[in-house]
Amino acid sequence: MHGAVFCAPRATPRLVAMTGQGFEVRRARTGDVRAIKEIVEPLVQQRILLGKELVVLFESLQEFAVAVDDAGEVIGCGALHVMWEDLGEVRTLAVRADWLGRGVGHALLDYLEGEARALGLHRLFCLTFEVDFFERHGFAPIDEQLLVDPEVYIELLRSPDEGVAEFLDLSRVKPNTLGNTRMLKAL
């Protein structure tokens, strides 16, 4: 086999979290992206979540987990974005309206927190209107305090990611964050 590339076996990622509640949580796949967009879009229209183009969802697919029902339909989604060596952000946590109140959001957040721990993160940030939900899961509101060292702040300013700009509370993203609460959880 001339020109073949051989790779060492990788550790198996956590693929599925069984819930026993008629759905499971797993890593997102390319075939899930359009369903993610469909679940998120009503929340974008209500200005609860920031909209993402389909191409951006495909590009960030590795950050996403999905909840799927017993028929394999995507019923919820959430993403974990690594911001720095000890800090991540829970993003785009959304559940299909007909599945609200059935533990889907809780299971997705638990899954994302497990992924954060596996990556070595020690803190999770979120920017949300759903303060009660995140408080029930150990997040606490934070004020305008600087959450990173000044040196890290300067590094994060170089990021083109809008979510990082929201985390830094930059004035250019203030219209996107009006009414949202900045929250943090220590893992």
N, C-alpha and C. Protein backbone atom coordinates (compact mmCIF):
# COMPACT_ATOMS: atom_id res chain seq x y z
N MET A 1 0.83 -1.17 0.00
CA MET A 1 0.00 0.00 0.00
C MET A 1 0.87 1.24 0.00
N HIS A 2 1.37 1.58 -1.13
CA HIS A 2 2.22 2.75 -1.26
C HIS A 2 1.41 4.03 -1.03
N GLY A 3 1.94 4.92 -0.18
CA GLY A 3 1.27 6.19 0.05
C GLY A 3 0.17 6.14 1.10
N ALA A 4 -0.04 4.98 1.71
CA ALA A 4 -1.09 4.90 2.72
C ALA A 4 -0.64 5.60 4.00
N VAL A 5 -1.58 6.17 4.68
CA VAL A 5 -1.31 6.83 5.95
C VAL A 5 -1.95 6.01 7.05
N PHE A 6 -1.16 5.71 8.07
CA PHE A 6 -1.68 4.95 9.19
C PHE A 6 -1.67 5.83 10.42
N CYS A 7 -2.74 5.79 11.15
CA CYS A 7 -2.87 6.60 12.36
C CYS A 7 -2.99 5.69 13.57
N ALA A 8 -2.46 6.13 14.67
CA ALA A 8 -2.61 5.39 15.91
C ALA A 8 -4.08 5.44 16.32
N PRO A 9 -4.58 4.38 16.92
CA PRO A 9 -5.97 4.41 17.37
C PRO A 9 -6.18 5.51 18.40
N ARG A 10 -7.32 6.17 18.32
CA ARG A 10 -7.66 7.23 19.26
C ARG A 10 -8.56 6.68 20.34
N ALA A 11 -8.55 7.37 21.45
CA ALA A 11 -9.49 7.01 22.51
C ALA A 11 -10.90 7.23 21.99
N THR A 12 -11.79 6.35 22.31
CA THR A 12 -13.17 6.47 21.86
C THR A 12 -13.85 7.62 22.58
N PRO A 13 -14.40 8.59 21.83
CA PRO A 13 -15.10 9.68 22.50
C PRO A 13 -16.41 9.19 23.09
N ARG A 14 -16.90 9.92 24.05
CA ARG A 14 -18.20 9.60 24.63
C ARG A 14 -19.23 9.87 23.56
N LEU A 15 -19.84 8.85 23.04
CA LEU A 15 -20.73 9.01 21.90
C LEU A 15 -22.18 9.23 22.29
N VAL A 16 -22.66 8.53 23.30
CA VAL A 16 -24.09 8.59 23.60
C VAL A 16 -24.30 8.61 25.10
N ALA A 17 -25.20 9.46 25.54
CA ALA A 17 -25.64 9.47 26.93
C ALA A 17 -27.10 9.02 26.92
N MET A 18 -27.35 7.85 27.44
CA MET A 18 -28.71 7.33 27.49
C MET A 18 -29.44 8.00 28.65
N THR A 19 -30.67 8.40 28.44
CA THR A 19 -31.40 9.12 29.48
C THR A 19 -32.53 8.29 30.08
N GLY A 20 -33.02 7.30 29.37
CA GLY A 20 -34.16 6.53 29.87
C GLY A 20 -35.46 7.31 29.83
N GLN A 21 -35.47 8.42 29.10
CA GLN A 21 -36.65 9.28 29.04
C GLN A 21 -37.18 9.42 27.62
N GLY A 22 -36.89 8.45 26.76
CA GLY A 22 -37.39 8.50 25.39
C GLY A 22 -36.49 9.27 24.44
N PHE A 23 -35.29 9.60 24.89
CA PHE A 23 -34.33 10.27 24.03
C PHE A 23 -32.92 9.97 24.52
N GLU A 24 -31.95 10.24 23.68
CA GLU A 24 -30.54 10.11 24.05
C GLU A 24 -29.79 11.33 23.55
N VAL A 25 -28.64 11.56 24.13
CA VAL A 25 -27.78 12.68 23.73
C VAL A 25 -26.51 12.10 23.13
N ARG A 26 -26.09 12.66 22.02
CA ARG A 26 -24.87 12.19 21.34
C ARG A 26 -24.20 13.36 20.63
N ARG A 27 -23.01 13.11 20.15
CA ARG A 27 -22.32 14.12 19.34
C ARG A 27 -23.12 14.36 18.07
N ALA A 28 -23.10 15.59 17.61
CA ALA A 28 -23.81 15.92 16.37
C ALA A 28 -23.06 15.37 15.16
N ARG A 29 -23.82 15.11 14.12
CA ARG A 29 -23.29 14.61 12.85
C ARG A 29 -23.70 15.58 11.75
N THR A 30 -23.06 15.47 10.61
CA THR A 30 -23.39 16.40 9.52
C THR A 30 -24.86 16.34 9.15
N GLY A 31 -25.46 15.17 9.22
CA GLY A 31 -26.86 15.03 8.89
C GLY A 31 -27.81 15.71 9.87
N ASP A 32 -27.29 16.17 11.01
CA ASP A 32 -28.11 16.85 12.03
C ASP A 32 -28.17 18.36 11.84
N VAL A 33 -27.29 18.91 11.03
CA VAL A 33 -27.13 20.36 10.96
C VAL A 33 -28.42 21.08 10.56
N ARG A 34 -29.11 20.58 9.57
CA ARG A 34 -30.35 21.26 9.14
C ARG A 34 -31.42 21.21 10.24
N ALA A 35 -31.46 20.12 10.99
CA ALA A 35 -32.42 20.03 12.11
C ALA A 35 -32.02 21.00 13.22
N ILE A 36 -30.72 21.15 13.47
CA ILE A 36 -30.25 22.12 14.46
C ILE A 36 -30.72 23.51 14.05
N LYS A 37 -30.51 23.85 12.79
CA LYS A 37 -30.92 25.16 12.27
C LYS A 37 -32.42 25.36 12.47
N GLU A 38 -33.20 24.32 12.19
CA GLU A 38 -34.66 24.39 12.32
C GLU A 38 -35.09 24.60 13.78
N ILE A 39 -34.42 23.96 14.71
CA ILE A 39 -34.75 24.11 16.13
C ILE A 39 -34.37 25.50 16.63
N VAL A 40 -33.24 26.01 16.18
CA VAL A 40 -32.72 27.29 16.65
C VAL A 40 -33.46 28.48 16.04
N GLU A 41 -33.92 28.34 14.81
CA GLU A 41 -34.49 29.48 14.07
C GLU A 41 -35.63 30.21 14.79
N PRO A 42 -36.61 29.52 15.39
CA PRO A 42 -37.66 30.27 16.10
C PRO A 42 -37.10 31.12 17.24
N LEU A 43 -36.06 30.65 17.90
CA LEU A 43 -35.44 31.41 18.98
C LEU A 43 -34.64 32.59 18.44
N VAL A 44 -34.12 32.45 17.25
CA VAL A 44 -33.45 33.57 16.59
C VAL A 44 -34.48 34.63 16.25
N GLN A 45 -35.62 34.22 15.72
CA GLN A 45 -36.68 35.16 15.36
C GLN A 45 -37.21 35.91 16.59
N GLN A 46 -37.18 35.26 17.74
CA GLN A 46 -37.61 35.90 18.98
C GLN A 46 -36.48 36.69 19.64
N ARG A 47 -35.32 36.72 19.01
CA ARG A 47 -34.12 37.42 19.51
C ARG A 47 -33.63 36.85 20.83
N ILE A 48 -33.84 35.54 21.02
CA ILE A 48 -33.34 34.85 22.20
C ILE A 48 -31.95 34.30 21.93
N LEU A 49 -31.73 33.79 20.72
CA LEU A 49 -30.42 33.30 20.31
C LEU A 49 -29.94 34.09 19.10
N LEU A 50 -28.63 34.16 18.94
CA LEU A 50 -28.07 34.77 17.75
C LEU A 50 -28.19 33.78 16.59
N GLY A 51 -28.51 34.29 15.43
CA GLY A 51 -28.61 33.44 14.25
C GLY A 51 -27.24 33.02 13.76
N LYS A 52 -27.20 31.84 13.18
CA LYS A 52 -25.98 31.33 12.58
C LYS A 52 -26.31 30.84 11.18
N GLU A 53 -25.49 31.22 10.25
CA GLU A 53 -25.67 30.73 8.88
C GLU A 53 -25.42 29.23 8.86
N LEU A 54 -26.01 28.55 7.90
CA LEU A 54 -25.84 27.11 7.78
C LEU A 54 -24.36 26.73 7.68
N VAL A 55 -23.59 27.50 6.94
CA VAL A 55 -22.16 27.20 6.79
C VAL A 55 -21.44 27.28 8.14
N VAL A 56 -21.84 28.22 8.99
CA VAL A 56 -21.22 28.36 10.31
C VAL A 56 -21.56 27.15 11.17
N LEU A 57 -22.80 26.66 11.07
CA LEU A 57 -23.18 25.46 11.82
C LEU A 57 -22.36 24.26 11.37
N PHE A 58 -22.16 24.12 10.07
CA PHE A 58 -21.32 23.02 9.59
C PHE A 58 -19.88 23.18 10.08
N GLU A 59 -19.36 24.41 10.03
CA GLU A 59 -17.98 24.64 10.45
C GLU A 59 -17.76 24.38 11.94
N SER A 60 -18.80 24.58 12.74
CA SER A 60 -18.66 24.40 14.19
C SER A 60 -19.31 23.09 14.67
N LEU A 61 -19.57 22.19 13.76
CA LEU A 61 -20.27 20.95 14.09
C LEU A 61 -19.62 20.18 15.24
N GLN A 62 -18.29 20.18 15.30
CA GLN A 62 -17.59 19.42 16.34
C GLN A 62 -17.93 19.92 17.74
N GLU A 63 -18.44 21.14 17.87
CA GLU A 63 -18.80 21.69 19.18
C GLU A 63 -20.17 21.22 19.65
N PHE A 64 -20.98 20.67 18.75
CA PHE A 64 -22.39 20.39 19.04
C PHE A 64 -22.65 18.98 19.53
N ALA A 65 -23.64 18.91 20.42
CA ALA A 65 -24.27 17.65 20.81
C ALA A 65 -25.74 17.81 20.45
N VAL A 66 -26.40 16.71 20.22
CA VAL A 66 -27.84 16.74 19.94
C VAL A 66 -28.55 15.71 20.81
N ALA A 67 -29.80 16.00 21.09
CA ALA A 67 -30.69 15.02 21.70
C ALA A 67 -31.57 14.50 20.59
N VAL A 68 -31.72 13.19 20.54
CA VAL A 68 -32.56 12.57 19.51
C VAL A 68 -33.58 11.68 20.19
N ASP A 69 -34.80 11.68 19.65
CA ASP A 69 -35.85 10.85 20.22
C ASP A 69 -35.68 9.41 19.73
N ASP A 70 -36.57 8.55 20.17
CA ASP A 70 -36.46 7.12 19.83
C ASP A 70 -36.55 6.87 18.33
N ALA A 71 -37.13 7.81 17.58
CA ALA A 71 -37.23 7.66 16.12
C ALA A 71 -36.00 8.25 15.42
N GLY A 72 -35.07 8.81 16.19
CA GLY A 72 -33.87 9.37 15.60
C GLY A 72 -33.98 10.83 15.18
N GLU A 73 -35.12 11.47 15.53
CA GLU A 73 -35.32 12.88 15.18
C GLU A 73 -34.59 13.77 16.18
N VAL A 74 -33.92 14.80 15.70
CA VAL A 74 -33.24 15.74 16.57
C VAL A 74 -34.29 16.59 17.29
N ILE A 75 -34.21 16.60 18.62
CA ILE A 75 -35.19 17.32 19.43
C ILE A 75 -34.55 18.43 20.26
N GLY A 76 -33.22 18.50 20.23
CA GLY A 76 -32.53 19.54 20.98
C GLY A 76 -31.07 19.57 20.59
N CYS A 77 -30.42 20.67 20.93
CA CYS A 77 -29.01 20.82 20.59
C CYS A 77 -28.33 21.73 21.59
N GLY A 78 -27.04 21.68 21.61
CA GLY A 78 -26.22 22.56 22.43
C GLY A 78 -24.79 22.44 21.98
N ALA A 79 -24.02 23.49 22.24
CA ALA A 79 -22.63 23.49 21.82
C ALA A 79 -21.73 23.90 22.97
N LEU A 80 -20.52 23.39 22.93
CA LEU A 80 -19.47 23.76 23.88
C LEU A 80 -18.34 24.37 23.07
N HIS A 81 -18.08 25.64 23.33
CA HIS A 81 -17.01 26.37 22.63
C HIS A 81 -15.88 26.62 23.61
N VAL A 82 -14.69 26.14 23.30
CA VAL A 82 -13.53 26.38 24.14
C VAL A 82 -13.04 27.80 23.88
N MET A 83 -12.92 28.57 24.95
CA MET A 83 -12.48 29.96 24.84
C MET A 83 -11.02 30.14 25.24
N TRP A 84 -10.59 29.37 26.23
CA TRP A 84 -9.23 29.46 26.70
C TRP A 84 -8.91 28.16 27.42
N GLU A 85 -7.71 28.02 27.95
CA GLU A 85 -7.28 26.74 28.50
C GLU A 85 -8.14 26.23 29.64
N ASP A 86 -8.81 27.10 30.38
CA ASP A 86 -9.64 26.65 31.50
C ASP A 86 -11.10 27.08 31.37
N LEU A 87 -11.45 27.69 30.25
CA LEU A 87 -12.75 28.33 30.12
C LEU A 87 -13.46 27.93 28.83
N GLY A 88 -14.71 27.54 28.97
CA GLY A 88 -15.54 27.23 27.81
C GLY A 88 -16.87 27.95 27.91
N GLU A 89 -17.60 27.95 26.81
CA GLU A 89 -18.92 28.57 26.79
C GLU A 89 -19.95 27.57 26.31
N VAL A 90 -21.07 27.51 27.00
CA VAL A 90 -22.22 26.75 26.54
C VAL A 90 -22.97 27.67 25.59
N ARG A 91 -23.18 27.20 24.36
CA ARG A 91 -23.83 28.00 23.32
C ARG A 91 -24.97 27.23 22.70
N THR A 92 -25.88 27.98 22.13
CA THR A 92 -26.93 27.44 21.25
C THR A 92 -27.66 26.27 21.89
N LEU A 93 -27.94 26.37 23.17
CA LEU A 93 -28.71 25.33 23.86
C LEU A 93 -30.18 25.58 23.57
N ALA A 94 -30.80 24.65 22.85
CA ALA A 94 -32.18 24.83 22.41
C ALA A 94 -32.88 23.48 22.36
N VAL A 95 -34.17 23.51 22.66
CA VAL A 95 -34.99 22.30 22.65
C VAL A 95 -36.24 22.57 21.83
N ARG A 96 -36.61 21.58 21.02
CA ARG A 96 -37.83 21.70 20.23
C ARG A 96 -39.02 21.95 21.16
N ALA A 97 -39.93 22.82 20.78
CA ALA A 97 -41.04 23.26 21.64
C ALA A 97 -41.85 22.10 22.20
N ASP A 98 -42.08 21.06 21.41
CA ASP A 98 -42.89 19.94 21.89
C ASP A 98 -42.15 19.03 22.88
N TRP A 99 -40.88 19.31 23.13
CA TRP A 99 -40.10 18.52 24.08
C TRP A 99 -39.70 19.34 25.31
N LEU A 100 -40.13 20.57 25.40
CA LEU A 100 -39.79 21.41 26.56
C LEU A 100 -40.36 20.80 27.84
N GLY A 101 -39.60 20.93 28.93
CA GLY A 101 -40.06 20.45 30.23
C GLY A 101 -39.92 18.95 30.43
N ARG A 102 -39.19 18.27 29.55
CA ARG A 102 -39.05 16.82 29.64
C ARG A 102 -37.62 16.37 29.91
N GLY A 103 -36.76 17.32 30.33
CA GLY A 103 -35.39 16.97 30.70
C GLY A 103 -34.37 17.01 29.58
N VAL A 104 -34.79 17.43 28.41
CA VAL A 104 -33.87 17.44 27.26
C VAL A 104 -32.75 18.46 27.47
N GLY A 105 -33.11 19.68 27.87
CA GLY A 105 -32.10 20.71 28.11
C GLY A 105 -31.14 20.30 29.21
N HIS A 106 -31.67 19.71 30.27
CA HIS A 106 -30.84 19.22 31.38
C HIS A 106 -29.84 18.18 30.88
N ALA A 107 -30.32 17.22 30.11
CA ALA A 107 -29.44 16.15 29.60
C ALA A 107 -28.37 16.72 28.67
N LEU A 108 -28.75 17.66 27.82
CA LEU A 108 -27.77 18.28 26.93
C LEU A 108 -26.70 19.03 27.73
N LEU A 109 -27.13 19.80 28.72
CA LEU A 109 -26.18 20.55 29.53
C LEU A 109 -25.26 19.60 30.30
N ASP A 110 -25.79 18.52 30.85
CA ASP A 110 -24.95 17.53 31.53
C ASP A 110 -23.91 16.95 30.58
N TYR A 111 -24.34 16.64 29.37
CA TYR A 111 -23.43 16.08 28.37
C TYR A 111 -22.31 17.07 28.06
N LEU A 112 -22.68 18.33 27.84
CA LEU A 112 -21.69 19.36 27.50
C LEU A 112 -20.73 19.59 28.67
N GLU A 113 -21.24 19.54 29.90
CA GLU A 113 -20.36 19.68 31.05
C GLU A 113 -19.38 18.51 31.14
N GLY A 114 -19.84 17.32 30.82
CA GLY A 114 -18.94 16.16 30.78
C GLY A 114 -17.84 16.33 29.74
N GLU A 115 -18.22 16.86 28.58
CA GLU A 115 -17.23 17.13 27.54
C GLU A 115 -16.24 18.19 28.01
N ALA A 116 -16.74 19.22 28.70
CA ALA A 116 -15.87 20.28 29.21
C ALA A 116 -14.84 19.71 30.19
N ARG A 117 -15.30 18.86 31.08
CA ARG A 117 -14.38 18.23 32.04
C ARG A 117 -13.35 17.36 31.32
N ALA A 118 -13.80 16.61 30.33
CA ALA A 118 -12.88 15.75 29.57
C ALA A 118 -11.81 16.57 28.84
N LEU A 119 -12.15 17.79 28.46
CA LEU A 119 -11.19 18.67 27.79
C LEU A 119 -10.28 19.39 28.77
N GLY A 120 -10.57 19.30 30.06
CA GLY A 120 -9.75 19.95 31.07
C GLY A 120 -10.20 21.35 31.43
N LEU A 121 -11.42 21.71 31.06
CA LEU A 121 -11.93 23.03 31.41
C LEU A 121 -12.35 23.05 32.88
N HIS A 122 -12.23 24.21 33.51
CA HIS A 122 -12.59 24.35 34.91
C HIS A 122 -13.74 25.32 35.14
N ARG A 123 -14.09 26.09 34.10
CA ARG A 123 -15.18 27.06 34.21
C ARG A 123 -15.99 27.06 32.92
N LEU A 124 -17.31 27.24 33.09
CA LEU A 124 -18.20 27.37 31.94
C LEU A 124 -18.95 28.69 32.04
N PHE A 125 -19.03 29.37 30.93
CA PHE A 125 -19.71 30.65 30.81
C PHE A 125 -20.95 30.46 29.94
N CYS A 126 -21.98 31.24 30.18
CA CYS A 126 -23.10 31.31 29.26
C CYS A 126 -23.69 32.72 29.32
N LEU A 127 -24.30 33.10 28.24
CA LEU A 127 -25.01 34.38 28.14
C LEU A 127 -26.44 34.00 27.80
N THR A 128 -27.38 34.29 28.69
CA THR A 128 -28.70 33.67 28.55
C THR A 128 -29.84 34.54 29.08
N PHE A 129 -31.02 34.26 28.57
CA PHE A 129 -32.27 34.77 29.13
C PHE A 129 -32.83 33.76 30.13
N GLU A 130 -32.38 32.51 30.06
CA GLU A 130 -32.90 31.42 30.88
C GLU A 130 -32.14 31.30 32.20
N VAL A 131 -32.17 32.36 32.98
CA VAL A 131 -31.40 32.44 34.22
C VAL A 131 -31.79 31.33 35.19
N ASP A 132 -33.08 31.11 35.39
CA ASP A 132 -33.53 30.09 36.34
C ASP A 132 -33.02 28.71 35.96
N PHE A 133 -33.09 28.37 34.69
CA PHE A 133 -32.61 27.07 34.22
C PHE A 133 -31.14 26.90 34.56
N PHE A 134 -30.32 27.88 34.22
CA PHE A 134 -28.88 27.75 34.46
C PHE A 134 -28.55 27.81 35.95
N GLU A 135 -29.29 28.59 36.73
CA GLU A 135 -29.07 28.60 38.18
C GLU A 135 -29.34 27.22 38.78
N ARG A 136 -30.37 26.54 38.29
CA ARG A 136 -30.66 25.18 38.78
C ARG A 136 -29.53 24.21 38.46
N HIS A 137 -28.69 24.58 37.53
CA HIS A 137 -27.57 23.72 37.12
C HIS A 137 -26.23 24.26 37.60
N GLY A 138 -26.26 25.13 38.62
CA GLY A 138 -25.03 25.56 39.26
C GLY A 138 -24.36 26.80 38.70
N PHE A 139 -24.95 27.43 37.71
CA PHE A 139 -24.40 28.68 37.18
C PHE A 139 -24.86 29.83 38.08
N ALA A 140 -24.03 30.87 38.16
CA ALA A 140 -24.39 32.04 38.94
C ALA A 140 -24.19 33.29 38.09
N PRO A 141 -25.09 34.25 38.22
CA PRO A 141 -24.92 35.50 37.49
C PRO A 141 -23.61 36.19 37.89
N ILE A 142 -22.99 36.84 36.93
CA ILE A 142 -21.77 37.60 37.19
C ILE A 142 -21.98 39.02 36.71
N ASP A 143 -21.24 39.93 37.29
CA ASP A 143 -21.37 41.32 36.88
C ASP A 143 -20.33 41.62 35.80
N GLU A 144 -19.91 42.83 35.71
CA GLU A 144 -18.99 43.26 34.67
C GLU A 144 -17.54 42.90 34.97
N GLN A 145 -17.32 42.07 35.98
CA GLN A 145 -15.95 41.73 36.37
C GLN A 145 -15.20 41.07 35.22
N LEU A 146 -13.91 41.29 35.21
CA LEU A 146 -13.04 40.66 34.23
C LEU A 146 -12.85 39.21 34.64
N LEU A 147 -13.22 38.27 33.78
CA LEU A 147 -13.19 36.85 34.12
C LEU A 147 -11.89 36.17 33.76
N VAL A 148 -10.99 36.90 33.15
CA VAL A 148 -9.70 36.34 32.77
C VAL A 148 -8.60 37.35 33.12
N ASP A 149 -7.39 36.86 33.20
CA ASP A 149 -6.25 37.73 33.45
C ASP A 149 -6.11 38.74 32.32
N PRO A 150 -5.54 39.90 32.60
CA PRO A 150 -5.36 40.91 31.55
C PRO A 150 -4.61 40.40 30.31
N GLU A 151 -3.64 39.52 30.50
CA GLU A 151 -2.89 38.96 29.36
C GLU A 151 -3.79 38.10 28.48
N VAL A 152 -4.65 37.31 29.12
CA VAL A 152 -5.59 36.47 28.39
C VAL A 152 -6.63 37.34 27.69
N TYR A 153 -7.08 38.37 28.35
CA TYR A 153 -8.04 39.31 27.76
C TYR A 153 -7.49 39.85 26.44
N ILE A 154 -6.24 40.25 26.44
CA ILE A 154 -5.61 40.78 25.21
C ILE A 154 -5.58 39.72 24.12
N GLU A 155 -5.29 38.48 24.50
CA GLU A 155 -5.30 37.38 23.52
C GLU A 155 -6.71 37.16 22.96
N LEU A 156 -7.70 37.16 23.84
CA LEU A 156 -9.08 36.93 23.41
C LEU A 156 -9.59 38.05 22.50
N LEU A 157 -9.08 39.25 22.68
CA LEU A 157 -9.47 40.36 21.79
C LEU A 157 -9.13 40.06 20.33
N ARG A 158 -8.18 39.18 20.10
CA ARG A 158 -7.76 38.81 18.74
C ARG A 158 -8.72 37.83 18.07
N SER A 159 -9.62 37.26 18.83
CA SER A 159 -10.55 36.27 18.27
C SER A 159 -11.60 36.95 17.40
N PRO A 160 -11.87 36.40 16.21
CA PRO A 160 -12.94 36.94 15.37
C PRO A 160 -14.33 36.43 15.78
N ASP A 161 -14.40 35.55 16.76
CA ASP A 161 -15.64 34.92 17.17
C ASP A 161 -16.53 35.91 17.92
N GLU A 162 -17.78 36.06 17.47
CA GLU A 162 -18.73 36.97 18.11
C GLU A 162 -19.05 36.57 19.55
N GLY A 163 -19.07 35.27 19.81
CA GLY A 163 -19.33 34.81 21.17
C GLY A 163 -18.23 35.23 22.13
N VAL A 164 -17.01 35.23 21.67
CA VAL A 164 -15.90 35.70 22.51
C VAL A 164 -16.07 37.19 22.78
N ALA A 165 -16.48 37.95 21.76
CA ALA A 165 -16.73 39.38 21.94
C ALA A 165 -17.84 39.60 22.97
N GLU A 166 -18.86 38.75 22.95
CA GLU A 166 -19.93 38.85 23.94
C GLU A 166 -19.42 38.52 25.33
N PHE A 167 -18.57 37.49 25.43
CA PHE A 167 -17.97 37.14 26.71
C PHE A 167 -17.17 38.31 27.27
N LEU A 168 -16.41 38.97 26.40
CA LEU A 168 -15.60 40.11 26.83
C LEU A 168 -16.44 41.36 27.07
N ASP A 169 -17.72 41.29 26.70
CA ASP A 169 -18.66 42.38 26.90
C ASP A 169 -18.23 43.63 26.13
N LEU A 170 -17.77 43.41 24.89
CA LEU A 170 -17.33 44.52 24.06
C LEU A 170 -18.52 45.35 23.61
N SER A 171 -18.33 46.63 23.49
CA SER A 171 -19.43 47.54 23.17
C SER A 171 -20.06 47.24 21.81
N ARG A 172 -19.28 46.73 20.86
CA ARG A 172 -19.82 46.46 19.53
C ARG A 172 -20.88 45.35 19.52
N VAL A 173 -20.92 44.53 20.56
CA VAL A 173 -21.92 43.46 20.60
C VAL A 173 -23.04 43.75 21.60
N LYS A 174 -23.02 44.89 22.23
CA LYS A 174 -24.06 45.22 23.23
C LYS A 174 -25.47 45.06 22.69
N PRO A 175 -25.78 45.48 21.44
CA PRO A 175 -27.15 45.27 20.95
C PRO A 175 -27.56 43.80 20.93
N ASN A 176 -26.60 42.87 20.76
CA ASN A 176 -26.90 41.44 20.74
C ASN A 176 -27.20 40.90 22.13
N THR A 177 -26.69 41.57 23.16
CA THR A 177 -26.74 41.00 24.50
C THR A 177 -27.74 41.69 25.42
N LEU A 178 -28.49 42.63 24.92
CA LEU A 178 -29.43 43.36 25.76
C LEU A 178 -30.43 42.40 26.40
N GLY A 179 -30.53 42.47 27.71
CA GLY A 179 -31.46 41.63 28.44
C GLY A 179 -30.91 40.28 28.84
N ASN A 180 -29.79 39.88 28.27
CA ASN A 180 -29.16 38.61 28.63
C ASN A 180 -28.42 38.75 29.96
N THR A 181 -28.26 37.64 30.64
CA THR A 181 -27.49 37.59 31.87
C THR A 181 -26.23 36.79 31.62
N ARG A 182 -25.11 37.34 32.06
CA ARG A 182 -23.82 36.65 31.97
C ARG A 182 -23.72 35.74 33.19
N MET A 183 -23.44 34.46 32.97
CA MET A 183 -23.41 33.49 34.06
C MET A 183 -22.16 32.64 33.96
N LEU A 184 -21.73 32.12 35.12
CA LEU A 184 -20.51 31.33 35.18
C LEU A 184 -20.71 30.17 36.13
N LYS A 185 -20.05 29.06 35.83
CA LYS A 185 -20.08 27.88 36.71
C LYS A 185 -18.68 27.33 36.83
N ALA A 186 -18.26 27.03 38.05
CA ALA A 186 -17.00 26.34 38.28
C ALA A 186 -17.28 24.84 38.20
N LEU A 187 -16.45 24.13 37.46
CA LEU A 187 -16.64 22.68 37.33
C LEU A 187 -15.83 21.94 38.39
